[in-house]
């Protein structure tokens, strides 16, 4: 099956401004899928890393016109919401591959299904593991902590209700609330 786009979820940058090992692994998997013809467009998403992700893809031979940058997201909920608003809805892209790490896959599935809803056809593809056992353990602990925002979103928002997601981000999510409303 051919998809409308491949969405690559960000995974940070180093102090020198390069992609982390995890981000490179995600990008490499997305570029493999792109070269195999799974989709002709790649969306890279993440506030600080999206631009670096695009440069990484272009340096590896991908036409810059094929790589779209979503640079407002500060977490997985933002990845899904801003990608939907900026790229999916305006272009009527409905079939998507989402690339992330295996440790992040479950939460990404919950969030993207909640934010996008049933109208979208989603395939989730994990990138190769690049972390040591200890680093992976720490990431899994962090994932457990991050499930709180995901659970809150799940209780407040119906699947695919983009207005409710936007309200959640503006009113309840600490990363997106206006500075005057933060605790």
N, C-alpha and C. Protein backbone atom coordinates (compact mmCIF):
# COMPACT_ATOMS: atom_id res chain seq x y z
N UNK A 1 0.85 -1.20 0.00
CA UNK A 1 0.00 0.00 0.00
C UNK A 1 0.89 1.24 0.00
N UNK A 2 0.52 2.20 -0.80
CA UNK A 2 1.22 3.48 -0.84
C UNK A 2 0.50 4.45 0.11
N UNK A 3 1.29 5.20 0.87
CA UNK A 3 0.75 6.14 1.86
C UNK A 3 0.93 7.57 1.36
N UNK A 4 0.12 8.48 1.91
CA UNK A 4 0.25 9.90 1.54
C UNK A 4 1.52 10.51 2.08
N UNK A 5 1.92 10.13 3.29
CA UNK A 5 3.11 10.72 3.90
C UNK A 5 3.66 9.83 5.01
N UNK A 6 4.93 10.04 5.28
CA UNK A 6 5.60 9.42 6.42
C UNK A 6 5.83 10.53 7.43
N UNK A 7 5.39 10.33 8.66
CA UNK A 7 5.60 11.31 9.73
C UNK A 7 6.68 10.76 10.65
N UNK A 8 7.71 11.57 10.86
CA UNK A 8 8.82 11.17 11.72
C UNK A 8 8.77 12.02 12.98
N UNK A 9 8.61 11.37 14.13
CA UNK A 9 8.53 12.09 15.39
C UNK A 9 9.93 12.42 15.89
N UNK A 10 10.10 13.67 16.30
CA UNK A 10 11.40 14.13 16.77
C UNK A 10 11.85 13.43 18.03
N UNK A 11 13.16 13.47 18.25
CA UNK A 11 13.74 12.86 19.45
C UNK A 11 14.93 13.67 19.93
N UNK A 12 14.86 14.98 19.75
CA UNK A 12 15.86 15.87 20.31
C UNK A 12 17.10 16.07 19.46
N UNK A 13 17.88 17.04 19.93
CA UNK A 13 19.17 17.34 19.32
C UNK A 13 20.21 17.42 20.42
N UNK A 14 21.46 17.24 20.03
CA UNK A 14 22.57 17.31 20.99
C UNK A 14 22.89 18.77 21.28
N UNK A 15 23.80 18.99 22.23
CA UNK A 15 24.22 20.37 22.55
C UNK A 15 24.88 21.04 21.35
N UNK A 16 25.46 20.25 20.47
CA UNK A 16 26.11 20.80 19.27
C UNK A 16 25.11 21.03 18.14
N UNK A 17 23.84 20.70 18.36
CA UNK A 17 22.82 20.93 17.35
C UNK A 17 22.64 19.81 16.35
N UNK A 18 23.17 18.64 16.65
CA UNK A 18 23.00 17.47 15.79
C UNK A 18 21.87 16.60 16.32
N UNK A 19 21.37 15.71 15.48
CA UNK A 19 20.34 14.78 15.93
C UNK A 19 20.91 13.80 16.94
N UNK A 20 20.09 13.43 17.91
CA UNK A 20 20.48 12.39 18.86
C UNK A 20 20.52 11.05 18.13
N UNK A 21 21.07 10.03 18.78
CA UNK A 21 21.09 8.68 18.20
C UNK A 21 19.68 8.21 17.88
N UNK A 22 18.76 8.48 18.81
CA UNK A 22 17.37 8.05 18.63
C UNK A 22 16.74 8.77 17.44
N UNK A 23 16.96 10.07 17.33
CA UNK A 23 16.41 10.84 16.21
C UNK A 23 16.98 10.36 14.88
N UNK A 24 18.27 10.08 14.83
CA UNK A 24 18.90 9.56 13.60
C UNK A 24 18.29 8.21 13.23
N UNK A 25 18.08 7.36 14.22
CA UNK A 25 17.50 6.05 13.96
C UNK A 25 16.10 6.19 13.35
N UNK A 26 15.31 7.11 13.89
CA UNK A 26 13.98 7.36 13.35
C UNK A 26 14.06 7.88 11.91
N UNK A 27 14.96 8.83 11.69
CA UNK A 27 15.12 9.39 10.34
C UNK A 27 15.59 8.33 9.36
N UNK A 28 16.55 7.53 9.76
CA UNK A 28 17.05 6.48 8.87
C UNK A 28 15.94 5.52 8.48
N UNK A 29 15.09 5.16 9.42
CA UNK A 29 13.96 4.27 9.12
C UNK A 29 12.99 4.96 8.15
N UNK A 30 12.70 6.22 8.39
CA UNK A 30 11.79 6.96 7.51
C UNK A 30 12.37 7.08 6.10
N UNK A 31 13.66 7.34 6.00
CA UNK A 31 14.30 7.47 4.69
C UNK A 31 14.31 6.12 3.95
N UNK A 32 14.48 5.05 4.69
CA UNK A 32 14.40 3.70 4.10
C UNK A 32 13.00 3.47 3.52
N UNK A 33 11.97 3.81 4.27
CA UNK A 33 10.59 3.66 3.80
C UNK A 33 10.34 4.55 2.57
N UNK A 34 10.84 5.77 2.62
CA UNK A 34 10.70 6.71 1.50
C UNK A 34 11.34 6.13 0.24
N UNK A 35 12.57 5.68 0.37
CA UNK A 35 13.30 5.12 -0.78
C UNK A 35 12.64 3.85 -1.31
N UNK A 36 11.98 3.11 -0.43
CA UNK A 36 11.26 1.90 -0.84
C UNK A 36 9.92 2.22 -1.50
N UNK A 37 9.56 3.51 -1.54
CA UNK A 37 8.33 3.93 -2.22
C UNK A 37 7.07 3.90 -1.38
N UNK A 38 7.21 3.82 -0.07
CA UNK A 38 6.03 3.78 0.80
C UNK A 38 5.22 5.07 0.73
N UNK A 39 5.90 6.20 0.50
CA UNK A 39 5.25 7.51 0.36
C UNK A 39 6.22 8.44 -0.35
N UNK A 40 5.69 9.51 -0.93
CA UNK A 40 6.53 10.48 -1.64
C UNK A 40 6.77 11.74 -0.82
N UNK A 41 6.21 11.80 0.38
CA UNK A 41 6.37 12.96 1.25
C UNK A 41 6.77 12.51 2.64
N UNK A 42 7.59 13.32 3.29
CA UNK A 42 8.02 13.06 4.67
C UNK A 42 7.73 14.32 5.47
N UNK A 43 7.09 14.14 6.62
CA UNK A 43 6.86 15.25 7.55
C UNK A 43 7.73 15.00 8.77
N UNK A 44 8.60 15.96 9.08
CA UNK A 44 9.42 15.86 10.28
C UNK A 44 8.82 16.81 11.31
N UNK A 45 8.71 16.35 12.54
CA UNK A 45 8.00 17.14 13.53
C UNK A 45 8.73 17.19 14.87
N UNK A 46 8.81 18.41 15.40
CA UNK A 46 9.45 18.68 16.68
C UNK A 46 10.01 20.09 16.69
N UNK A 47 9.74 20.83 17.72
CA UNK A 47 10.08 22.26 17.77
C UNK A 47 11.54 22.54 17.45
N UNK A 48 12.45 21.93 18.17
CA UNK A 48 13.87 22.24 17.98
C UNK A 48 14.52 21.40 16.90
N UNK A 49 14.04 20.17 16.71
CA UNK A 49 14.76 19.25 15.85
C UNK A 49 14.25 19.13 14.42
N UNK A 50 13.07 19.62 14.11
CA UNK A 50 12.51 19.40 12.78
C UNK A 50 13.40 19.95 11.67
N UNK A 51 13.92 21.14 11.84
CA UNK A 51 14.80 21.71 10.83
C UNK A 51 16.06 20.90 10.64
N UNK A 52 16.60 20.40 11.73
CA UNK A 52 17.81 19.56 11.68
C UNK A 52 17.47 18.23 11.00
N UNK A 53 16.29 17.72 11.25
CA UNK A 53 15.85 16.47 10.62
C UNK A 53 15.74 16.64 9.11
N UNK A 54 15.21 17.77 8.67
CA UNK A 54 15.10 18.02 7.23
C UNK A 54 16.49 18.09 6.60
N UNK A 55 17.40 18.82 7.24
CA UNK A 55 18.77 18.90 6.70
C UNK A 55 19.40 17.52 6.60
N UNK A 56 19.16 16.69 7.59
CA UNK A 56 19.67 15.31 7.59
C UNK A 56 19.15 14.55 6.37
N UNK A 57 17.86 14.69 6.10
CA UNK A 57 17.25 13.99 4.96
C UNK A 57 17.82 14.52 3.64
N UNK A 58 17.95 15.81 3.53
CA UNK A 58 18.46 16.42 2.29
C UNK A 58 19.91 16.01 2.05
N UNK A 59 20.71 15.98 3.11
CA UNK A 59 22.11 15.55 2.96
C UNK A 59 22.20 14.09 2.51
N UNK A 60 21.14 13.34 2.73
CA UNK A 60 21.11 11.93 2.31
C UNK A 60 20.37 11.74 0.99
N UNK A 61 20.21 12.84 0.25
CA UNK A 61 19.71 12.74 -1.11
C UNK A 61 18.23 12.93 -1.32
N UNK A 62 17.48 13.27 -0.28
CA UNK A 62 16.04 13.48 -0.44
C UNK A 62 15.79 14.90 -0.93
N UNK A 63 14.95 15.05 -1.93
CA UNK A 63 14.60 16.36 -2.48
C UNK A 63 13.96 17.21 -1.37
N UNK A 64 14.48 18.41 -1.14
CA UNK A 64 13.91 19.26 -0.07
C UNK A 64 12.41 19.51 -0.22
N UNK A 65 11.90 19.47 -1.46
CA UNK A 65 10.47 19.70 -1.69
C UNK A 65 9.61 18.55 -1.17
N UNK A 66 10.25 17.43 -0.90
CA UNK A 66 9.53 16.25 -0.39
C UNK A 66 9.47 16.19 1.13
N UNK A 67 10.17 17.11 1.81
CA UNK A 67 10.27 17.08 3.27
C UNK A 67 9.58 18.32 3.84
N UNK A 68 8.57 18.10 4.66
CA UNK A 68 7.80 19.17 5.27
C UNK A 68 8.18 19.29 6.74
N UNK A 69 8.33 20.53 7.22
CA UNK A 69 8.81 20.78 8.58
C UNK A 69 7.67 21.30 9.45
N UNK A 70 7.37 20.56 10.51
CA UNK A 70 6.42 21.00 11.54
C UNK A 70 7.25 21.32 12.77
N UNK A 71 7.37 22.59 13.12
CA UNK A 71 8.29 22.99 14.19
C UNK A 71 7.60 23.73 15.35
N UNK A 72 6.35 23.41 15.59
CA UNK A 72 5.65 24.00 16.74
C UNK A 72 5.47 23.00 17.87
N UNK A 73 5.55 21.72 17.57
CA UNK A 73 5.29 20.67 18.56
C UNK A 73 6.40 20.56 19.59
N UNK A 74 6.00 20.42 20.85
CA UNK A 74 6.94 20.23 21.95
C UNK A 74 6.78 18.87 22.61
N UNK A 75 5.84 18.06 22.09
CA UNK A 75 5.61 16.71 22.61
C UNK A 75 4.79 15.93 21.59
N UNK A 76 4.43 14.72 21.93
CA UNK A 76 3.73 13.84 20.99
C UNK A 76 2.34 14.38 20.64
N UNK A 77 1.65 14.93 21.61
CA UNK A 77 0.32 15.50 21.33
C UNK A 77 0.47 16.64 20.33
N UNK A 78 1.45 17.49 20.53
CA UNK A 78 1.72 18.57 19.59
C UNK A 78 2.11 18.04 18.22
N UNK A 79 2.93 16.98 18.19
CA UNK A 79 3.31 16.37 16.90
C UNK A 79 2.06 16.04 16.09
N UNK A 80 1.11 15.37 16.71
CA UNK A 80 -0.11 14.95 16.02
C UNK A 80 -0.98 16.15 15.65
N UNK A 81 -1.21 17.05 16.60
CA UNK A 81 -2.11 18.18 16.38
C UNK A 81 -1.59 19.13 15.30
N UNK A 82 -0.36 19.59 15.45
CA UNK A 82 0.16 20.58 14.50
C UNK A 82 0.40 19.96 13.12
N UNK A 83 0.76 18.69 13.06
CA UNK A 83 0.89 18.03 11.77
C UNK A 83 -0.47 17.95 11.08
N UNK A 84 -1.48 17.62 11.84
CA UNK A 84 -2.83 17.56 11.26
C UNK A 84 -3.24 18.93 10.72
N UNK A 85 -3.10 19.95 11.54
CA UNK A 85 -3.56 21.29 11.16
C UNK A 85 -2.76 21.89 10.01
N UNK A 86 -1.44 21.72 10.01
CA UNK A 86 -0.57 22.38 9.02
C UNK A 86 -0.44 21.60 7.72
N UNK A 87 -0.52 20.26 7.77
CA UNK A 87 -0.23 19.49 6.57
C UNK A 87 -1.32 18.52 6.15
N UNK A 88 -1.87 17.77 7.08
CA UNK A 88 -2.81 16.71 6.70
C UNK A 88 -4.13 17.28 6.19
N UNK A 89 -4.76 18.15 6.96
CA UNK A 89 -6.05 18.70 6.55
C UNK A 89 -5.94 19.53 5.27
N UNK A 90 -4.99 20.47 5.18
CA UNK A 90 -4.92 21.29 3.95
C UNK A 90 -4.65 20.48 2.67
N UNK A 91 -3.98 19.35 2.79
CA UNK A 91 -3.61 18.56 1.61
C UNK A 91 -4.46 17.30 1.44
N UNK A 92 -5.39 17.09 2.35
CA UNK A 92 -6.24 15.88 2.33
C UNK A 92 -5.40 14.61 2.30
N UNK A 93 -4.40 14.55 3.18
CA UNK A 93 -3.59 13.36 3.34
C UNK A 93 -4.22 12.52 4.45
N UNK A 94 -4.63 11.30 4.12
CA UNK A 94 -5.38 10.47 5.05
C UNK A 94 -4.67 9.18 5.44
N UNK A 95 -3.73 8.73 4.63
CA UNK A 95 -3.03 7.48 4.94
C UNK A 95 -1.58 7.80 5.29
N UNK A 96 -1.18 7.38 6.48
CA UNK A 96 0.09 7.84 7.05
C UNK A 96 0.87 6.71 7.69
N UNK A 97 2.18 6.83 7.58
CA UNK A 97 3.09 5.98 8.35
C UNK A 97 3.70 6.89 9.41
N UNK A 98 3.66 6.47 10.65
CA UNK A 98 4.28 7.22 11.74
C UNK A 98 5.49 6.43 12.22
N UNK A 99 6.66 7.08 12.17
CA UNK A 99 7.90 6.43 12.59
C UNK A 99 8.32 7.00 13.94
N UNK A 100 8.54 6.11 14.88
CA UNK A 100 9.04 6.48 16.20
C UNK A 100 9.81 5.29 16.77
N UNK A 101 10.30 5.45 17.96
CA UNK A 101 11.05 4.37 18.61
C UNK A 101 10.09 3.38 19.27
N UNK A 102 10.55 2.16 19.41
CA UNK A 102 9.72 1.12 20.02
C UNK A 102 9.29 1.51 21.44
N UNK A 103 10.18 2.14 22.22
CA UNK A 103 9.82 2.54 23.58
C UNK A 103 8.72 3.60 23.61
N UNK A 104 8.52 4.31 22.50
CA UNK A 104 7.57 5.41 22.42
C UNK A 104 6.32 5.01 21.62
N UNK A 105 6.35 3.86 21.02
CA UNK A 105 5.31 3.46 20.07
C UNK A 105 3.91 3.43 20.68
N UNK A 106 3.77 2.85 21.84
CA UNK A 106 2.43 2.71 22.45
C UNK A 106 1.78 4.08 22.70
N UNK A 107 2.55 5.00 23.27
CA UNK A 107 1.99 6.32 23.54
C UNK A 107 1.70 7.06 22.23
N UNK A 108 2.58 6.93 21.25
CA UNK A 108 2.36 7.57 19.96
C UNK A 108 1.07 7.04 19.31
N UNK A 109 0.84 5.74 19.41
CA UNK A 109 -0.39 5.17 18.85
C UNK A 109 -1.62 5.76 19.54
N UNK A 110 -1.61 5.81 20.86
CA UNK A 110 -2.74 6.37 21.59
C UNK A 110 -3.00 7.82 21.20
N UNK A 111 -1.94 8.61 21.15
CA UNK A 111 -2.08 10.04 20.86
C UNK A 111 -2.55 10.26 19.43
N UNK A 112 -1.89 9.64 18.46
CA UNK A 112 -2.27 9.89 17.07
C UNK A 112 -3.68 9.40 16.77
N UNK A 113 -4.08 8.29 17.34
CA UNK A 113 -5.46 7.82 17.12
C UNK A 113 -6.46 8.78 17.77
N UNK A 114 -6.11 9.31 18.92
CA UNK A 114 -6.99 10.26 19.61
C UNK A 114 -7.09 11.56 18.82
N UNK A 115 -5.95 12.11 18.41
CA UNK A 115 -5.94 13.41 17.74
C UNK A 115 -6.47 13.32 16.30
N UNK A 116 -6.13 12.28 15.58
CA UNK A 116 -6.55 12.19 14.19
C UNK A 116 -7.92 11.54 14.01
N UNK A 117 -8.25 10.58 14.84
CA UNK A 117 -9.56 9.94 14.73
C UNK A 117 -9.59 8.84 13.68
N UNK A 118 -10.77 8.30 13.48
CA UNK A 118 -10.96 7.13 12.64
C UNK A 118 -10.87 7.41 11.14
N UNK A 119 -10.93 8.66 10.74
CA UNK A 119 -10.89 8.99 9.31
C UNK A 119 -9.51 8.73 8.70
N UNK A 120 -8.50 8.64 9.53
CA UNK A 120 -7.13 8.45 9.05
C UNK A 120 -6.72 6.99 9.12
N UNK A 121 -5.99 6.55 8.11
CA UNK A 121 -5.41 5.22 8.09
C UNK A 121 -3.96 5.34 8.57
N UNK A 122 -3.65 4.70 9.69
CA UNK A 122 -2.35 4.87 10.32
C UNK A 122 -1.59 3.56 10.40
N UNK A 123 -0.32 3.62 10.07
CA UNK A 123 0.58 2.48 10.25
C UNK A 123 1.75 2.98 11.08
N UNK A 124 2.05 2.30 12.16
CA UNK A 124 3.14 2.70 13.06
C UNK A 124 4.33 1.78 12.84
N UNK A 125 5.48 2.39 12.62
CA UNK A 125 6.69 1.63 12.33
C UNK A 125 7.78 2.04 13.33
N UNK A 126 8.32 1.07 14.06
CA UNK A 126 9.39 1.39 15.00
C UNK A 126 10.74 1.49 14.28
N UNK A 127 11.57 2.39 14.77
CA UNK A 127 12.94 2.50 14.27
C UNK A 127 13.81 1.50 15.03
N UNK A 128 14.98 1.18 14.48
CA UNK A 128 15.89 0.25 15.18
C UNK A 128 16.33 0.80 16.54
N UNK A 129 16.51 -0.09 17.46
CA UNK A 129 16.96 0.28 18.81
C UNK A 129 18.44 0.69 18.76
N UNK A 130 18.74 1.83 19.36
CA UNK A 130 20.11 2.33 19.38
C UNK A 130 20.61 2.64 20.79
N UNK A 131 19.74 2.49 21.77
CA UNK A 131 20.09 2.85 23.14
C UNK A 131 20.66 1.65 23.90
N UNK A 132 21.52 1.94 24.85
CA UNK A 132 22.02 0.90 25.75
C UNK A 132 20.86 0.45 26.65
N UNK A 133 21.04 -0.66 27.31
CA UNK A 133 20.00 -1.18 28.21
C UNK A 133 19.65 -0.17 29.29
N UNK A 134 20.66 0.50 29.85
CA UNK A 134 20.42 1.48 30.92
C UNK A 134 19.68 2.70 30.37
N UNK A 135 20.10 3.20 29.23
CA UNK A 135 19.42 4.36 28.63
C UNK A 135 17.98 4.01 28.27
N UNK A 136 17.78 2.81 27.77
CA UNK A 136 16.43 2.37 27.43
C UNK A 136 15.56 2.28 28.69
N UNK A 137 16.11 1.78 29.77
CA UNK A 137 15.37 1.70 31.04
C UNK A 137 14.91 3.10 31.47
N UNK A 138 15.80 4.08 31.35
CA UNK A 138 15.45 5.46 31.72
C UNK A 138 14.36 6.03 30.82
N UNK A 139 14.44 5.73 29.53
CA UNK A 139 13.42 6.20 28.59
C UNK A 139 12.06 5.59 28.92
N UNK A 140 12.06 4.31 29.26
CA UNK A 140 10.81 3.64 29.61
C UNK A 140 10.21 4.22 30.89
N UNK A 141 11.04 4.58 31.85
CA UNK A 141 10.56 5.24 33.07
C UNK A 141 9.94 6.59 32.73
N UNK A 142 10.61 7.34 31.86
CA UNK A 142 10.08 8.64 31.44
C UNK A 142 8.75 8.47 30.71
N UNK A 143 8.65 7.45 29.87
CA UNK A 143 7.40 7.18 29.15
C UNK A 143 6.26 6.94 30.12
N UNK A 144 6.52 6.20 31.18
CA UNK A 144 5.47 5.96 32.18
C UNK A 144 4.99 7.28 32.77
N UNK A 145 5.90 8.19 33.05
CA UNK A 145 5.52 9.49 33.59
C UNK A 145 4.74 10.33 32.60
N UNK A 146 5.07 10.23 31.33
CA UNK A 146 4.41 11.03 30.30
C UNK A 146 3.02 10.53 29.94
N UNK A 147 2.68 9.37 30.42
CA UNK A 147 1.34 8.84 30.11
C UNK A 147 0.24 9.65 30.78
N UNK A 148 0.58 10.42 31.81
CA UNK A 148 -0.42 11.23 32.50
C UNK A 148 -1.12 12.19 31.54
N UNK A 149 -0.34 12.94 30.77
CA UNK A 149 -0.93 13.89 29.81
C UNK A 149 -1.77 13.14 28.79
N UNK A 150 -1.28 11.99 28.37
CA UNK A 150 -2.01 11.18 27.40
C UNK A 150 -3.33 10.69 27.97
N UNK A 151 -3.31 10.23 29.22
CA UNK A 151 -4.54 9.76 29.85
C UNK A 151 -5.53 10.90 30.04
N UNK A 152 -5.01 12.08 30.42
CA UNK A 152 -5.88 13.25 30.58
C UNK A 152 -6.52 13.61 29.25
N UNK A 153 -5.73 13.62 28.20
CA UNK A 153 -6.26 13.89 26.86
C UNK A 153 -7.36 12.89 26.52
N UNK A 154 -7.10 11.63 26.82
CA UNK A 154 -8.05 10.57 26.50
C UNK A 154 -9.39 10.73 27.19
N UNK A 155 -9.38 11.26 28.40
CA UNK A 155 -10.63 11.43 29.13
C UNK A 155 -11.37 12.70 28.73
N UNK A 156 -10.66 13.69 28.21
CA UNK A 156 -11.28 14.98 27.89
C UNK A 156 -11.70 15.13 26.44
N UNK A 157 -11.16 14.29 25.57
CA UNK A 157 -11.31 14.53 24.13
C UNK A 157 -11.81 13.27 23.42
N UNK A 158 -12.81 13.45 22.57
CA UNK A 158 -13.28 12.34 21.72
C UNK A 158 -12.31 12.16 20.56
N UNK A 159 -12.18 10.95 20.08
CA UNK A 159 -11.28 10.66 18.96
C UNK A 159 -11.57 11.58 17.78
N UNK A 160 -10.53 12.25 17.29
CA UNK A 160 -10.64 13.09 16.11
C UNK A 160 -11.21 14.47 16.34
N UNK A 161 -11.56 14.83 17.55
CA UNK A 161 -12.15 16.15 17.84
C UNK A 161 -11.04 17.19 17.94
N UNK A 162 -10.68 17.77 16.80
CA UNK A 162 -9.53 18.67 16.73
C UNK A 162 -9.74 19.94 17.55
N UNK A 163 -10.97 20.44 17.63
CA UNK A 163 -11.24 21.63 18.46
C UNK A 163 -10.98 21.33 19.94
N UNK A 164 -11.41 20.18 20.38
CA UNK A 164 -11.18 19.80 21.78
C UNK A 164 -9.69 19.61 22.07
N UNK A 165 -8.95 19.07 21.11
CA UNK A 165 -7.50 18.92 21.29
C UNK A 165 -6.86 20.29 21.40
N UNK A 166 -7.27 21.21 20.54
CA UNK A 166 -6.72 22.56 20.59
C UNK A 166 -7.02 23.23 21.93
N UNK A 167 -8.25 23.08 22.41
CA UNK A 167 -8.61 23.64 23.72
C UNK A 167 -7.79 22.99 24.83
N UNK A 168 -7.59 21.68 24.74
CA UNK A 168 -6.77 20.97 25.73
C UNK A 168 -5.36 21.55 25.74
N UNK A 169 -4.78 21.75 24.57
CA UNK A 169 -3.43 22.29 24.50
C UNK A 169 -3.36 23.68 25.11
N UNK A 170 -4.32 24.51 24.78
CA UNK A 170 -4.30 25.91 25.24
C UNK A 170 -4.62 26.06 26.73
N UNK A 171 -5.48 25.16 27.25
CA UNK A 171 -5.95 25.35 28.62
C UNK A 171 -5.37 24.39 29.64
N UNK A 172 -5.09 23.15 29.25
CA UNK A 172 -4.72 22.14 30.23
C UNK A 172 -3.28 21.65 30.11
N UNK A 173 -2.65 21.82 28.96
CA UNK A 173 -1.33 21.26 28.74
C UNK A 173 -0.26 22.28 29.14
N UNK A 174 0.61 21.94 30.07
CA UNK A 174 1.59 22.91 30.58
C UNK A 174 2.58 23.44 29.53
N UNK A 175 2.86 22.69 28.49
CA UNK A 175 3.81 23.16 27.48
C UNK A 175 3.23 24.18 26.51
N UNK A 176 1.91 24.23 26.38
CA UNK A 176 1.29 25.07 25.38
C UNK A 176 0.43 26.21 25.95
N UNK A 177 0.14 26.14 27.24
CA UNK A 177 -0.65 27.23 27.83
C UNK A 177 0.12 28.53 27.74
N UNK A 178 -0.57 29.65 27.57
CA UNK A 178 0.13 30.94 27.58
C UNK A 178 0.87 31.12 28.91
N UNK A 179 2.00 31.81 28.88
CA UNK A 179 2.85 31.99 30.06
C UNK A 179 2.08 32.56 31.25
N UNK A 180 1.13 33.43 31.00
CA UNK A 180 0.35 34.04 32.08
C UNK A 180 -0.53 33.04 32.82
N UNK A 181 -0.81 31.89 32.20
CA UNK A 181 -1.69 30.90 32.81
C UNK A 181 -0.93 29.72 33.40
N UNK A 182 0.39 29.71 33.26
CA UNK A 182 1.17 28.60 33.80
C UNK A 182 1.32 28.75 35.29
N UNK A 183 1.36 27.59 35.98
CA UNK A 183 1.44 27.53 37.43
C UNK A 183 2.69 28.09 37.93
